[in-house]
Amino acid sequence: MGFGGGAQAMITILKNNEKMKAQRSRSKGLSGSYENIKLNLDYPKATPKMLRDIREQKIQVRKRTLFNQFLLVCCILVVLSIMIYFMF
């Protein structure tokens, strides 16, 4: 049964992984520099005016994006219709 080098390498890796399972510690948490990091999440409170401004800004961006997409589709349709007209 000649599987070649690739299959034998996969079998060896699987065997080594199985052997290493017993050596792993399940109770080990984060190690290294991430262990003692404390996150400082002090965000400012959002006022109703700030939320209204953000909402209006998002609506304007959505309208502008929709208009640009509509314009692009119209241009593509015009170009395709012109190409089809000259082909036939």
PDB file of N, CA and C in Angstrom:
ATOM      1  N   MET A   1       0.832  -1.189   0.000  1.00  0.00           N
ATOM      2  CA  MET A   1       0.000   0.000   0.000  1.00  0.00           C
ATOM      3  C   MET A   1       0.875   1.251   0.000  1.00  0.00           C
ATOM      4  N   GLY A   2       1.152   1.760  -1.112  1.00  0.00           N
ATOM      5  CA  GLY A   2       1.994   2.943  -1.180  1.00  0.00           C
ATOM      6  C   GLY A   2       1.173   4.209  -1.122  1.00  0.00           C
ATOM      7  N   PHE A   3       1.096   4.814   0.066  1.00  0.00           N
ATOM      8  CA  PHE A   3       0.331   6.054   0.219  1.00  0.00           C
ATOM      9  C   PHE A   3       1.162   7.271  -0.149  1.00  0.00           C
ATOM     10  N   GLY A   4       2.470   7.150  -0.095  1.00  0.00           N
ATOM     11  CA  GLY A   4       3.305   8.287  -0.406  1.00  0.00           C
ATOM     12  C   GLY A   4       3.644   9.080   0.841  1.00  0.00           C
ATOM     13  N   GLY A   5       4.413  10.108   0.669  1.00  0.00           N
ATOM     14  CA  GLY A   5       4.891  10.896   1.803  1.00  0.00           C
ATOM     15  C   GLY A   5       3.827  11.751   2.454  1.00  0.00           C
ATOM     16  N   GLY A   6       2.879  12.235   1.675  1.00  0.00           N
ATOM     17  CA  GLY A   6       1.854  13.115   2.232  1.00  0.00           C
ATOM     18  C   GLY A   6       0.957  12.415   3.227  1.00  0.00           C
ATOM     19  N   ALA A   7       0.530  11.215   2.888  1.00  0.00           N
ATOM     20  CA  ALA A   7      -0.354  10.472   3.782  1.00  0.00           C
ATOM     21  C   ALA A   7       0.380  10.069   5.051  1.00  0.00           C
ATOM     22  N   GLN A   8       1.647   9.647   4.920  1.00  0.00           N
ATOM     23  CA  GLN A   8       2.412   9.260   6.099  1.00  0.00           C
ATOM     24  C   GLN A   8       2.644  10.452   7.015  1.00  0.00           C
ATOM     25  N   ALA A   9       2.853  11.635   6.447  1.00  0.00           N
ATOM     26  CA  ALA A   9       3.038  12.833   7.266  1.00  0.00           C
ATOM     27  C   ALA A   9       1.769  13.152   8.043  1.00  0.00           C
ATOM     28  N   MET A  10       0.613  12.987   7.420  1.00  0.00           N
ATOM     29  CA  MET A  10      -0.649  13.238   8.127  1.00  0.00           C
ATOM     30  C   MET A  10      -0.852  12.246   9.256  1.00  0.00           C
ATOM     31  N   ILE A  11      -0.540  10.977   9.010  1.00  0.00           N
ATOM     32  CA  ILE A  11      -0.686   9.958  10.052  1.00  0.00           C
ATOM     33  C   ILE A  11       0.235  10.275  11.228  1.00  0.00           C
ATOM     34  N   THR A  12       1.461  10.673  10.940  1.00  0.00           N
ATOM     35  CA  THR A  12       2.414  11.012  11.997  1.00  0.00           C
ATOM     36  C   THR A  12       1.932  12.198  12.812  1.00  0.00           C
ATOM     37  N   ILE A  13       1.413  13.213  12.166  1.00  0.00           N
ATOM     38  CA  ILE A  13       0.909  14.395  12.872  1.00  0.00           C
ATOM     39  C   ILE A  13      -0.248  14.019  13.780  1.00  0.00           C
ATOM     40  N   LEU A  14      -1.159  13.195  13.288  1.00  0.00           N
ATOM     41  CA  LEU A  14      -2.295  12.774  14.115  1.00  0.00           C
ATOM     42  C   LEU A  14      -1.829  11.986  15.334  1.00  0.00           C
ATOM     43  N   LYS A  15      -0.858  11.104  15.152  1.00  0.00           N
ATOM     44  CA  LYS A  15      -0.328  10.337  16.284  1.00  0.00           C
ATOM     45  C   LYS A  15       0.339  11.260  17.298  1.00  0.00           C
ATOM     46  N   ASN A  16       1.124  12.219  16.834  1.00  0.00           N
ATOM     47  CA  ASN A  16       1.796  13.144  17.751  1.00  0.00           C
ATOM     48  C   ASN A  16       0.790  14.000  18.506  1.00  0.00           C
ATOM     49  N   ASN A  17      -0.264  14.444  17.835  1.00  0.00           N
ATOM     50  CA  ASN A  17      -1.296  15.230  18.513  1.00  0.00           C
ATOM     51  C   ASN A  17      -1.978  14.409  19.596  1.00  0.00           C
ATOM     52  N   GLU A  18      -2.215  13.125  19.327  1.00  0.00           N
ATOM     53  CA  GLU A  18      -2.850  12.251  20.309  1.00  0.00           C
ATOM     54  C   GLU A  18      -1.951  12.066  21.529  1.00  0.00           C
ATOM     55  N   LYS A  19      -0.653  11.952  21.308  1.00  0.00           N
ATOM     56  CA  LYS A  19       0.293  11.805  22.420  1.00  0.00           C
ATOM     57  C   LYS A  19       0.359  13.073  23.271  1.00  0.00           C
ATOM     58  N   MET A  20       0.228  14.226  22.626  1.00  0.00           N
ATOM     59  CA  MET A  20       0.338  15.495  23.357  1.00  0.00           C
ATOM     60  C   MET A  20      -0.916  15.814  24.156  1.00  0.00           C
ATOM     61  N   LYS A  21      -2.023  15.152  23.901  1.00  0.00           N
ATOM     62  CA  LYS A  21      -3.261  15.436  24.622  1.00  0.00           C
ATOM     63  C   LYS A  21      -3.108  15.231  26.118  1.00  0.00           C
ATOM     64  N   ALA A  22      -2.414  14.189  26.513  1.00  0.00           N
ATOM     65  CA  ALA A  22      -2.254  13.885  27.931  1.00  0.00           C
ATOM     66  C   ALA A  22      -1.388  14.919  28.633  1.00  0.00           C
ATOM     67  N   GLN A  23      -0.511  15.582  27.928  1.00  0.00           N
ATOM     68  CA  GLN A  23       0.405  16.544  28.532  1.00  0.00           C
ATOM     69  C   GLN A  23      -0.239  17.914  28.751  1.00  0.00           C
ATOM     70  N   ARG A  24      -1.347  18.168  28.103  1.00  0.00           N
ATOM     71  CA  ARG A  24      -1.991  19.475  28.219  1.00  0.00           C
ATOM     72  C   ARG A  24      -2.680  19.612  29.562  1.00  0.00           C
ATOM     73  N   SER A  25      -2.650  20.796  30.107  1.00  0.00           N
ATOM     74  CA  SER A  25      -3.339  21.073  31.358  1.00  0.00           C
ATOM     75  C   SER A  25      -4.663  21.746  31.052  1.00  0.00           C
ATOM     76  N   ARG A  26      -5.724  21.177  31.531  1.00  0.00           N
ATOM     77  CA  ARG A  26      -7.052  21.728  31.252  1.00  0.00           C
ATOM     78  C   ARG A  26      -7.342  22.962  32.096  1.00  0.00           C
ATOM     79  N   SER A  27      -6.705  23.086  33.252  1.00  0.00           N
ATOM     80  CA  SER A  27      -6.995  24.206  34.141  1.00  0.00           C
ATOM     81  C   SER A  27      -6.177  25.439  33.816  1.00  0.00           C
ATOM     82  N   LYS A  28      -5.337  25.355  32.814  1.00  0.00           N
ATOM     83  CA  LYS A  28      -4.492  26.488  32.458  1.00  0.00           C
ATOM     84  C   LYS A  28      -5.323  27.574  31.789  1.00  0.00           C
ATOM     85  N   GLY A  29      -5.229  28.768  32.287  1.00  0.00           N
ATOM     86  CA  GLY A  29      -5.957  29.883  31.688  1.00  0.00           C
ATOM     87  C   GLY A  29      -5.079  30.607  30.700  1.00  0.00           C
ATOM     88  N   LEU A  30      -5.283  31.899  30.613  1.00  0.00           N
ATOM     89  CA  LEU A  30      -4.442  32.700  29.737  1.00  0.00           C
ATOM     90  C   LEU A  30      -3.052  32.796  30.339  1.00  0.00           C
ATOM     91  N   SER A  31      -2.070  32.706  29.503  1.00  0.00           N
ATOM     92  CA  SER A  31      -0.705  32.810  30.003  1.00  0.00           C
ATOM     93  C   SER A  31      -0.017  33.976  29.326  1.00  0.00           C
ATOM     94  N   GLY A  32       1.060  34.395  29.929  1.00  0.00           N
ATOM     95  CA  GLY A  32       1.839  35.457  29.326  1.00  0.00           C
ATOM     96  C   GLY A  32       1.318  36.828  29.692  1.00  0.00           C
ATOM     97  N   SER A  33       1.492  37.768  28.793  1.00  0.00           N
ATOM     98  CA  SER A  33       1.180  39.155  29.093  1.00  0.00           C
ATOM     99  C   SER A  33      -0.310  39.447  29.117  1.00  0.00           C
ATOM    100  N   TYR A  34      -1.144  38.558  28.591  1.00  0.00           N
ATOM    101  CA  TYR A  34      -2.580  38.809  28.559  1.00  0.00           C
ATOM    102  C   TYR A  34      -3.276  38.450  29.866  1.00  0.00           C
ATOM    103  N   GLU A  35      -2.555  37.828  30.785  1.00  0.00           N
ATOM    104  CA  GLU A  35      -3.168  37.313  31.996  1.00  0.00           C
ATOM    105  C   GLU A  35      -3.660  38.418  32.926  1.00  0.00           C
ATOM    106  N   ASN A  36      -2.896  39.476  33.068  1.00  0.00           N
ATOM    107  CA  ASN A  36      -3.221  40.506  34.055  1.00  0.00           C
ATOM    108  C   ASN A  36      -3.697  41.814  33.444  1.00  0.00           C
ATOM    109  N   ILE A  37      -4.178  41.782  32.223  1.00  0.00           N
ATOM    110  CA  ILE A  37      -4.650  43.008  31.577  1.00  0.00           C
ATOM    111  C   ILE A  37      -6.053  43.315  32.074  1.00  0.00           C
ATOM    112  N   LYS A  38      -6.237  44.556  32.486  1.00  0.00           N
ATOM    113  CA  LYS A  38      -7.562  45.018  32.886  1.00  0.00           C
ATOM    114  C   LYS A  38      -8.026  46.033  31.852  1.00  0.00           C
ATOM    115  N   LEU A  39      -9.208  45.839  31.361  1.00  0.00           N
ATOM    116  CA  LEU A  39      -9.734  46.730  30.343  1.00  0.00           C
ATOM    117  C   LEU A  39     -10.345  47.961  31.006  1.00  0.00           C
ATOM    118  N   ASN A  40     -10.042  49.111  30.467  1.00  0.00           N
ATOM    119  CA  ASN A  40     -10.603  50.359  30.973  1.00  0.00           C
ATOM    120  C   ASN A  40     -11.628  50.839  29.951  1.00  0.00           C
ATOM    121  N   LEU A  41     -12.868  50.535  30.206  1.00  0.00           N
ATOM    122  CA  LEU A  41     -13.933  50.867  29.265  1.00  0.00           C
ATOM    123  C   LEU A  41     -14.808  51.968  29.852  1.00  0.00           C
ATOM    124  N   ASP A  42     -14.342  53.177  29.804  1.00  0.00           N
ATOM    125  CA  ASP A  42     -15.105  54.318  30.293  1.00  0.00           C
ATOM    126  C   ASP A  42     -15.589  55.122  29.095  1.00  0.00           C
ATOM    127  N   TYR A  43     -16.758  54.760  28.601  1.00  0.00           N
ATOM    128  CA  TYR A  43     -17.335  55.461  27.466  1.00  0.00           C
ATOM    129  C   TYR A  43     -18.215  56.595  27.967  1.00  0.00           C
ATOM    130  N   PRO A  44     -18.251  57.712  27.246  1.00  0.00           N
ATOM    131  CA  PRO A  44     -19.138  58.794  27.663  1.00  0.00           C
ATOM    132  C   PRO A  44     -20.602  58.411  27.425  1.00  0.00           C
ATOM    133  N   LYS A  45     -21.464  58.935  28.238  1.00  0.00           N
ATOM    134  CA  LYS A  45     -22.895  58.679  28.074  1.00  0.00           C
ATOM    135  C   LYS A  45     -23.407  59.445  26.862  1.00  0.00           C
ATOM    136  N   ALA A  46     -24.230  58.782  26.079  1.00  0.00           N
ATOM    137  CA  ALA A  46     -24.774  59.404  24.880  1.00  0.00           C
ATOM    138  C   ALA A  46     -26.044  60.165  25.242  1.00  0.00           C
ATOM    139  N   THR A  47     -26.078  61.415  24.848  1.00  0.00           N
ATOM    140  CA  THR A  47     -27.264  62.227  25.082  1.00  0.00           C
ATOM    141  C   THR A  47     -28.254  62.008  23.942  1.00  0.00           C
ATOM    142  N   PRO A  48     -29.510  62.327  24.142  1.00  0.00           N
ATOM    143  CA  PRO A  48     -30.480  62.176  23.046  1.00  0.00           C
ATOM    144  C   PRO A  48     -30.107  62.990  21.806  1.00  0.00           C
ATOM    145  N   LYS A  49     -29.500  64.176  22.005  1.00  0.00           N
ATOM    146  CA  LYS A  49     -29.087  64.986  20.858  1.00  0.00           C
ATOM    147  C   LYS A  49     -27.978  64.290  20.073  1.00  0.00           C
ATOM    148  N   MET A  50     -27.014  63.683  20.769  1.00  0.00           N
ATOM    149  CA  MET A  50     -25.938  62.969  20.090  1.00  0.00           C
ATOM    150  C   MET A  50     -26.496  61.787  19.294  1.00  0.00           C
ATOM    151  N   LEU A  51     -27.429  61.064  19.892  1.00  0.00           N
ATOM    152  CA  LEU A  51     -28.028  59.920  19.213  1.00  0.00           C
ATOM    153  C   LEU A  51     -28.821  60.358  17.984  1.00  0.00           C
ATOM    154  N   ARG A  52     -29.532  61.491  18.092  1.00  0.00           N
ATOM    155  CA  ARG A  52     -30.293  62.022  16.965  1.00  0.00           C
ATOM    156  C   ARG A  52     -29.350  62.423  15.834  1.00  0.00           C
ATOM    157  N   ASP A  53     -28.239  63.083  16.179  1.00  0.00           N
ATOM    158  CA  ASP A  53     -27.270  63.500  15.159  1.00  0.00           C
ATOM    159  C   ASP A  53     -26.654  62.290  14.455  1.00  0.00           C
ATOM    160  N   ILE A  54     -26.327  61.264  15.225  1.00  0.00           N
ATOM    161  CA  ILE A  54     -25.753  60.058  14.627  1.00  0.00           C
ATOM    162  C   ILE A  54     -26.759  59.401  13.689  1.00  0.00           C
ATOM    163  N   ARG A  55     -28.018  59.347  14.128  1.00  0.00           N
ATOM    164  CA  ARG A  55     -29.059  58.742  13.302  1.00  0.00           C
ATOM    165  C   ARG A  55     -29.242  59.503  12.001  1.00  0.00           C
ATOM    166  N   GLU A  56     -29.287  60.836  12.076  1.00  0.00           N
ATOM    167  CA  GLU A  56     -29.443  61.642  10.863  1.00  0.00           C
ATOM    168  C   GLU A  56     -28.259  61.467   9.920  1.00  0.00           C
ATOM    169  N   GLN A  57     -27.073  61.398  10.486  1.00  0.00           N
ATOM    170  CA  GLN A  57     -25.882  61.209   9.664  1.00  0.00           C
ATOM    171  C   GLN A  57     -25.919  59.854   8.957  1.00  0.00           C
ATOM    172  N   LYS A  58     -26.322  58.808   9.659  1.00  0.00           N
ATOM    173  CA  LYS A  58     -26.416  57.479   9.055  1.00  0.00           C
ATOM    174  C   LYS A  58     -27.467  57.450   7.945  1.00  0.00           C
ATOM    175  N   ILE A  59     -28.585  58.138   8.153  1.00  0.00           N
ATOM    176  CA  ILE A  59     -29.638  58.196   7.139  1.00  0.00           C
ATOM    177  C   ILE A  59     -29.125  58.904   5.889  1.00  0.00           C
ATOM    178  N   GLN A  60     -28.379  59.998   6.057  1.00  0.00           N
ATOM    179  CA  GLN A  60     -27.838  60.724   4.910  1.00  0.00           C
ATOM    180  C   GLN A  60     -26.844  59.863   4.132  1.00  0.00           C
ATOM    181  N   VAL A  61     -25.995  59.143   4.851  1.00  0.00           N
ATOM    182  CA  VAL A  61     -25.017  58.282   4.184  1.00  0.00           C
ATOM    183  C   VAL A  61     -25.735  57.177   3.418  1.00  0.00           C
ATOM    184  N   ARG A  62     -26.781  56.592   4.019  1.00  0.00           N
ATOM    185  CA  ARG A  62     -27.538  55.534   3.357  1.00  0.00           C
ATOM    186  C   ARG A  62     -28.215  56.056   2.104  1.00  0.00           C
ATOM    187  N   LYS A  63     -28.801  57.264   2.156  1.00  0.00           N
ATOM    188  CA  LYS A  63     -29.453  57.849   0.984  1.00  0.00           C
ATOM    189  C   LYS A  63     -28.443  58.114  -0.128  1.00  0.00           C
ATOM    190  N   ARG A  64     -27.280  58.645   0.240  1.00  0.00           N
ATOM    191  CA  ARG A  64     -26.249  58.945  -0.751  1.00  0.00           C
ATOM    192  C   ARG A  64     -25.754  57.651  -1.407  1.00  0.00           C
ATOM    193  N   THR A  65     -25.559  56.618  -0.613  1.00  0.00           N
ATOM    194  CA  THR A  65     -25.102  55.342  -1.154  1.00  0.00           C
ATOM    195  C   THR A  65     -26.151  54.732  -2.082  1.00  0.00           C
ATOM    196  N   LEU A  66     -27.403  54.791  -1.681  1.00  0.00           N
ATOM    197  CA  LEU A  66     -28.482  54.262  -2.509  1.00  0.00           C
ATOM    198  C   LEU A  66     -28.579  55.016  -3.830  1.00  0.00           C
ATOM    199  N   PHE A  67     -28.444  56.339  -3.784  1.00  0.00           N
ATOM    200  CA  PHE A  67     -28.495  57.140  -5.010  1.00  0.00           C
ATOM    201  C   PHE A  67     -27.329  56.780  -5.929  1.00  0.00           C
ATOM    202  N   ASN A  68     -26.129  56.618  -5.367  1.00  0.00           N
ATOM    203  CA  ASN A  68     -24.963  56.263  -6.184  1.00  0.00           C
ATOM    204  C   ASN A  68     -25.140  54.891  -6.829  1.00  0.00           C
ATOM    205  N   GLN A  69     -25.697  53.942  -6.087  1.00  0.00           N
ATOM    206  CA  GLN A  69     -25.940  52.618  -6.648  1.00  0.00           C
ATOM    207  C   GLN A  69     -26.976  52.690  -7.766  1.00  0.00           C
ATOM    208  N   PHE A  70     -28.030  53.458  -7.563  1.00  0.00           N
ATOM    209  CA  PHE A  70     -29.060  53.625  -8.583  1.00  0.00           C
ATOM    210  C   PHE A  70     -28.468  54.242  -9.846  1.00  0.00           C
ATOM    211  N   LEU A  71     -27.642  55.265  -9.676  1.00  0.00           N
ATOM    212  CA  LEU A  71     -27.015  55.928 -10.805  1.00  0.00           C
ATOM    213  C   LEU A  71     -26.102  54.967 -11.562  1.00  0.00           C
ATOM    214  N   LEU A  72     -25.364  54.142 -10.844  1.00  0.00           N
ATOM    215  CA  LEU A  72     -24.473  53.179 -11.473  1.00  0.00           C
ATOM    216  C   LEU A  72     -25.257  52.149 -12.271  1.00  0.00           C
ATOM    217  N   VAL A  73     -26.341  51.649 -11.715  1.00  0.00           N
ATOM    218  CA  VAL A  73     -27.166  50.665 -12.418  1.00  0.00           C
ATOM    219  C   VAL A  73     -27.779  51.282 -13.674  1.00  0.00           C
ATOM    220  N   CYS A  74     -28.239  52.508 -13.586  1.00  0.00           N
ATOM    221  CA  CYS A  74     -28.807  53.186 -14.762  1.00  0.00           C
ATOM    222  C   CYS A  74     -27.765  53.351 -15.859  1.00  0.00           C
ATOM    223  N   CYS A  75     -26.568  53.744 -15.493  1.00  0.00           N
ATOM    224  CA  CYS A  75     -25.503  53.905 -16.489  1.00  0.00           C
ATOM    225  C   CYS A  75     -25.172  52.570 -17.151  1.00  0.00           C
ATOM    226  N   ILE A  76     -25.105  51.523 -16.371  1.00  0.00           N
ATOM    227  CA  ILE A  76     -24.807  50.210 -16.929  1.00  0.00           C
ATOM    228  C   ILE A  76     -25.918  49.779 -17.891  1.00  0.00           C
ATOM    229  N   LEU A  77     -27.165  50.014 -17.514  1.00  0.00           N
ATOM    230  CA  LEU A  77     -28.275  49.652 -18.393  1.00  0.00           C
ATOM    231  C   LEU A  77     -28.247  50.437 -19.696  1.00  0.00           C
ATOM    232  N   VAL A  78     -27.921  51.712 -19.631  1.00  0.00           N
ATOM    233  CA  VAL A  78     -27.844  52.527 -20.841  1.00  0.00           C
ATOM    234  C   VAL A  78     -26.731  52.023 -21.745  1.00  0.00           C
ATOM    235  N   VAL A  79     -25.583  51.731 -21.172  1.00  0.00           N
ATOM    236  CA  VAL A  79     -24.456  51.244 -21.973  1.00  0.00           C
ATOM    237  C   VAL A  79     -24.790  49.891 -22.590  1.00  0.00           C
ATOM    238  N   LEU A  80     -25.409  49.010 -21.824  1.00  0.00           N
ATOM    239  CA  LEU A  80     -25.785  47.704 -22.369  1.00  0.00           C
ATOM    240  C   LEU A  80     -26.822  47.826 -23.473  1.00  0.00           C
ATOM    241  N   SER A  81     -27.788  48.699 -23.281  1.00  0.00           N
ATOM    242  CA  SER A  81     -28.806  48.862 -24.320  1.00  0.00           C
ATOM    243  C   SER A  81     -28.191  49.427 -25.604  1.00  0.00           C
ATOM    244  N   ILE A  82     -27.263  50.336 -25.482  1.00  0.00           N
ATOM    245  CA  ILE A  82     -26.578  50.882 -26.666  1.00  0.00           C
ATOM    246  C   ILE A  82     -25.763  49.790 -27.365  1.00  0.00           C
ATOM    247  N   MET A  83     -25.098  48.954 -26.582  1.00  0.00           N
ATOM    248  CA  MET A  83     -24.295  47.876 -27.164  1.00  0.00           C
ATOM    249  C   MET A  83     -25.189  46.877 -27.877  1.00  0.00           C
ATOM    250  N   ILE A  84     -26.303  46.529 -27.273  1.00  0.00           N
ATOM    251  CA  ILE A  84     -27.225  45.579 -27.894  1.00  0.00           C
ATOM    252  C   ILE A  84     -27.819  46.164 -29.171  1.00  0.00           C
ATOM    253  N   TYR A  85     -28.141  47.464 -29.155  1.00  0.00           N
ATOM    254  CA  TYR A  85     -28.715  48.121 -30.340  1.00  0.00           C
ATOM    255  C   TYR A  85     -27.733  48.037 -31.527  1.00  0.00           C
ATOM    256  N   PHE A  86     -26.438  48.297 -31.282  1.00  0.00           N
ATOM    257  CA  PHE A  86     -25.483  48.284 -32.369  1.00  0.00           C
ATOM    258  C   PHE A  86     -25.085  46.868 -32.775  1.00  0.00           C
ATOM    259  N   MET A  87     -25.303  45.882 -31.935  1.00  0.00           N
ATOM    260  CA  MET A  87     -24.993  44.503 -32.310  1.00  0.00           C
ATOM    261  C   MET A  87     -26.031  43.958 -33.292  1.00  0.00           C
ATOM    262  N   PHE A  88     -27.267  44.372 -33.163  1.00  0.00           N
ATOM    263  CA  PHE A  88     -28.321  43.851 -34.021  1.00  0.00           C
ATOM    264  C   PHE A  88     -28.681  44.917 -34.978  1.00  0.00           C
TER     265      PHE A  88
END
